[in-house]
């Protein structure tokens, strides 16, 4: 049985355990109001959410820098909304977004229940493309950092998922091998295809209503992991 061969379970963080969209919306509600930026929050988020995903894809592919990501994802939204805004305000909002994002700590339903179930049976780790200074705060403020032995981020690895180097670094730091490792993540491209290319088993947490596929197990609720491991 699969569960008898697995010793280590690696999780993505954003969009998998940590409810990025909910926490991000709360952050924008705070900083847009505080800086008196006169846009409707729902109109802003309707444009921002897909724009952010698109710019993160460019960032994963090394086509833009971290600084360009932080600036362009906001600039493009205000441009699309036809809302005039200065570069100075964009940089301020970008800084405040990073400052306050990790102060919100909503997790996906059943996250703690599943971590409590897995922790006595497996070594647990994080592999994230997020920025190191903020991912550590997210784990700490959400009170889940103690579940994880290793936290591997893209800045530490020098590359981003799905690059095999970050998965190989995670295996090395965890002292394990791909054949005994499970990757759980929401991104088919970054988490599932990236991990499978190195030899991991995978569980795709489908939070984006993506179509079915045969690239490993797919779940829609984290609690389903308990029936697989």
Protein backbone atom coordinates (compact mmCIF):
# COMPACT_ATOMS: atom_id res chain seq x y z
CA UNK A 1 0.00 0.00 0.00
CA UNK A 2 1.12 3.54 -0.76
CA UNK A 3 0.89 4.73 2.84
CA UNK A 4 3.35 2.03 3.90
CA UNK A 5 6.04 3.33 1.52
CA UNK A 6 5.73 7.03 2.35
CA UNK A 7 7.93 8.52 5.09
CA UNK A 8 7.82 12.24 4.21
CA UNK A 9 4.98 14.51 3.11
CA UNK A 10 5.79 17.86 1.49
CA UNK A 11 3.16 20.59 1.30
CA UNK A 12 2.86 23.72 -0.75
CA UNK A 13 1.81 26.62 1.50
CA UNK A 14 -0.17 29.30 -0.36
CA UNK A 15 -3.48 28.10 -1.83
CA UNK A 16 -2.95 24.67 -0.22
CA UNK A 17 -2.80 25.12 3.55
CA UNK A 18 -2.78 28.91 3.93
CA UNK A 19 -5.90 30.51 2.42
CA UNK A 20 -4.11 33.04 0.25
CA UNK A 21 -7.12 34.58 -1.46
CA UNK A 22 -9.01 35.18 1.78
CA UNK A 23 -6.02 36.62 3.60
CA UNK A 24 -5.02 38.68 0.59
CA UNK A 25 -8.52 40.19 0.33
CA UNK A 26 -8.46 41.18 3.99
CA UNK A 27 -5.05 42.80 3.49
CA UNK A 28 -6.20 44.83 0.51
CA UNK A 29 -9.35 45.89 2.35
CA UNK A 30 -7.09 47.28 5.08
CA UNK A 31 -4.47 49.05 2.98
CA UNK A 32 -6.78 50.49 0.33
CA UNK A 33 -8.97 52.02 3.03
CA UNK A 34 -6.03 53.27 5.10
CA UNK A 35 -4.49 54.98 2.07
CA UNK A 36 -7.84 56.31 0.82
CA UNK A 37 -7.54 54.63 -2.56
CA UNK A 38 -10.99 55.10 -4.05
CA UNK A 39 -11.64 51.78 -5.75
CA UNK A 40 -14.31 49.23 -4.89
CA UNK A 41 -12.68 46.26 -3.19
CA UNK A 42 -14.64 43.65 -5.13
CA UNK A 43 -13.92 45.34 -8.46
CA UNK A 44 -10.24 45.48 -7.50
CA UNK A 45 -10.08 41.81 -6.49
CA UNK A 46 -11.92 40.65 -9.61
CA UNK A 47 -9.04 42.02 -11.68
CA UNK A 48 -6.22 41.44 -9.19
CA UNK A 49 -6.71 37.71 -8.52
CA UNK A 50 -6.16 36.49 -12.11
CA UNK A 51 -3.51 39.17 -12.71
CA UNK A 52 -1.55 38.03 -9.67
CA UNK A 53 -1.65 34.40 -10.85
CA UNK A 54 -0.45 35.46 -14.30
CA UNK A 55 2.44 37.51 -12.92
CA UNK A 56 3.42 34.68 -10.57
CA UNK A 57 3.62 32.38 -13.59
CA UNK A 58 6.02 34.84 -15.22
CA UNK A 59 8.01 34.96 -11.99
CA UNK A 60 8.21 31.15 -11.82
CA UNK A 61 9.49 31.15 -15.39
CA UNK A 62 12.23 33.68 -14.48
CA UNK A 63 10.72 36.19 -16.92
CA UNK A 64 10.27 38.94 -14.30
CA UNK A 65 12.02 39.78 -11.03
CA UNK A 66 10.51 39.86 -7.55
CA UNK A 67 10.46 43.66 -7.70
CA UNK A 68 8.73 43.66 -11.08
CA UNK A 69 6.16 41.17 -9.79
CA UNK A 70 5.31 43.35 -6.80
CA UNK A 71 4.97 46.50 -8.93
CA UNK A 72 3.38 45.20 -12.12
CA UNK A 73 0.63 43.15 -10.52
CA UNK A 74 -0.71 46.34 -8.90
CA UNK A 75 0.01 48.73 -11.79
CA UNK A 76 -1.81 46.48 -14.25
CA UNK A 77 -4.91 46.33 -12.06
CA UNK A 78 -5.22 50.09 -11.64
CA UNK A 79 -4.63 50.50 -15.39
CA UNK A 80 -7.39 47.99 -16.17
CA UNK A 81 -9.75 49.75 -13.77
CA UNK A 82 -8.91 53.13 -15.28
CA UNK A 83 -8.00 54.44 -11.86
CA UNK A 84 -5.21 57.06 -11.85
CA UNK A 85 -2.49 56.33 -9.30
CA UNK A 86 1.09 57.42 -8.80
CA UNK A 87 4.08 55.11 -8.78
CA UNK A 88 4.75 56.36 -5.26
CA UNK A 89 1.39 55.03 -4.10
CA UNK A 90 1.89 51.73 -5.91
CA UNK A 91 5.20 51.19 -4.13
CA UNK A 92 3.61 52.15 -0.82
CA UNK A 93 0.73 49.71 -1.33
CA UNK A 94 3.19 47.00 -2.37
CA UNK A 95 5.24 47.49 0.78
CA UNK A 96 2.19 47.59 3.04
CA UNK A 97 0.74 44.50 1.37
CA UNK A 98 3.85 42.51 2.25
CA UNK A 99 3.91 44.08 5.72
CA UNK A 100 0.35 43.15 6.65
CA UNK A 101 -0.38 40.00 4.61
CA UNK A 102 1.08 37.61 7.15
CA UNK A 103 -0.91 39.20 9.97
CA UNK A 104 -3.99 37.39 8.66
CA UNK A 105 -3.86 33.67 9.29
CA UNK A 106 -6.91 31.94 7.84
CA UNK A 107 -6.19 28.35 6.83
CA UNK A 108 -8.17 26.10 4.54
CA UNK A 109 -10.81 23.99 6.29
CA UNK A 110 -9.43 20.91 8.08
CA UNK A 111 -5.77 21.98 7.76
CA UNK A 112 -4.95 21.52 11.45
CA UNK A 113 -6.97 18.32 11.67
CA UNK A 114 -4.99 16.81 8.80
CA UNK A 115 -1.62 17.98 10.14
CA UNK A 116 -2.47 16.52 13.55
CA UNK A 117 -3.34 13.23 11.85
CA UNK A 118 -0.19 13.11 9.72
CA UNK A 119 2.42 14.37 12.18
CA UNK A 120 2.74 11.18 14.29
CA UNK A 121 3.03 9.04 11.13
CA UNK A 122 5.23 11.07 8.76
CA UNK A 123 7.85 13.80 8.65
CA UNK A 124 6.18 16.92 7.28
CA UNK A 125 7.81 19.69 5.23
CA UNK A 126 7.00 22.78 3.15
CA UNK A 127 8.15 23.59 -0.40
CA UNK A 128 7.07 27.09 -1.39
CA UNK A 129 7.72 29.62 -4.14
CA UNK A 130 6.80 32.42 -1.75
CA UNK A 131 9.23 34.97 -0.39
CA UNK A 132 11.17 33.76 2.62
CA UNK A 133 10.58 36.77 4.85
CA UNK A 134 6.81 36.43 4.57
CA UNK A 135 6.38 32.64 4.41
CA UNK A 136 8.03 32.18 7.79
CA UNK A 137 5.67 34.75 9.30
CA UNK A 138 2.64 33.02 7.75
CA UNK A 139 3.60 29.70 9.31
CA UNK A 140 4.31 31.28 12.68
CA UNK A 141 1.24 33.52 12.83
CA UNK A 142 -1.05 30.69 11.72
CA UNK A 143 0.48 28.56 14.49
CA UNK A 144 1.43 25.67 12.23
CA UNK A 145 5.21 26.07 11.98
CA UNK A 146 5.80 23.37 14.63
CA UNK A 147 4.36 20.69 12.36
CA UNK A 148 7.16 21.02 9.79
CA UNK A 149 10.73 19.79 9.92
CA UNK A 150 12.01 21.52 6.79
CA UNK A 151 10.76 24.66 5.04
CA UNK A 152 12.27 25.06 1.59
CA UNK A 153 11.58 28.27 -0.33
CA UNK A 154 12.54 29.39 -3.79
CA UNK A 155 14.90 32.11 -2.58
CA UNK A 156 16.83 29.50 -0.61
CA UNK A 157 16.96 27.15 -3.61
CA UNK A 158 17.73 29.84 -6.17
CA UNK A 159 14.99 28.45 -8.43
CA UNK A 160 11.23 28.09 -8.28
CA UNK A 161 8.88 25.15 -8.62
CA UNK A 162 8.55 23.34 -11.02
CA UNK A 163 12.36 23.44 -11.41
CA UNK A 164 13.67 20.05 -10.22
CA UNK A 165 16.45 21.70 -8.21
CA UNK A 166 14.07 22.93 -5.51
CA UNK A 167 12.55 19.46 -5.10
CA UNK A 168 15.99 17.85 -5.00
CA UNK A 169 17.10 20.35 -2.34
CA UNK A 170 14.00 19.55 -0.31
CA UNK A 171 14.74 15.83 -0.46
CA UNK A 172 18.36 16.42 0.53
CA UNK A 173 17.45 18.64 3.48
CA UNK A 174 14.80 16.19 4.63
CA UNK A 175 17.17 13.25 4.31
CA UNK A 176 14.81 11.21 2.18
CA UNK A 177 14.23 10.07 -1.41
CA UNK A 178 11.48 10.84 -3.92
CA UNK A 179 10.11 7.29 -3.94
CA UNK A 180 9.21 7.64 -0.26
CA UNK A 181 7.88 11.17 -0.54
CA UNK A 182 4.47 12.69 -1.21
CA UNK A 183 3.92 16.22 -2.56
CA UNK A 184 0.61 17.94 -1.84
CA UNK A 185 -0.12 21.16 -3.71
CA UNK A 186 -2.68 23.17 -5.63
CA UNK A 187 -0.72 23.99 -8.78
CA UNK A 188 -0.78 21.31 -11.46
CA UNK A 189 2.21 22.91 -13.17
CA UNK A 190 4.40 23.90 -10.22
CA UNK A 191 3.56 21.30 -7.59
CA UNK A 192 2.27 18.18 -9.34
CA UNK A 193 4.17 18.08 -12.62
CA UNK A 194 7.27 19.49 -10.95
CA UNK A 195 7.29 16.89 -8.19
CA UNK A 196 6.40 13.97 -10.46
CA UNK A 197 9.29 14.82 -12.77
CA UNK A 198 11.63 14.14 -9.83
CA UNK A 199 9.84 10.93 -8.81
CA UNK A 200 7.54 12.07 -6.00
CA UNK A 201 4.10 10.65 -5.40
CA UNK A 202 1.55 13.47 -5.60
CA UNK A 203 -1.81 14.63 -4.33
CA UNK A 204 -3.38 17.52 -6.23
CA UNK A 205 -5.46 19.75 -3.96
CA UNK A 206 -7.82 21.13 -6.56
CA UNK A 207 -8.97 24.45 -5.22
CA UNK A 208 -9.38 26.01 -8.66
CA UNK A 209 -11.97 23.63 -10.17
CA UNK A 210 -9.49 22.33 -12.71
CA UNK A 211 -10.60 19.46 -14.97
CA UNK A 212 -9.88 15.86 -13.95
CA UNK A 213 -6.53 14.34 -14.93
CA UNK A 214 -4.61 11.12 -14.41
CA UNK A 215 -1.51 12.75 -12.93
CA UNK A 216 -1.85 11.27 -9.47
CA UNK A 217 -4.63 11.62 -6.93
CA UNK A 218 -6.89 14.67 -6.87
CA UNK A 219 -8.73 15.91 -3.79
CA UNK A 220 -11.10 18.81 -3.12
CA UNK A 221 -10.93 18.80 0.70
CA UNK A 222 -7.75 18.37 2.71
CA UNK A 223 -9.55 15.86 4.92
CA UNK A 224 -9.47 13.41 2.01
CA UNK A 225 -5.73 13.00 2.67
CA UNK A 226 -6.62 10.93 5.74
CA UNK A 227 -8.02 8.20 3.51
CA UNK A 228 -4.89 8.15 1.34
CA UNK A 229 -2.13 8.27 3.99
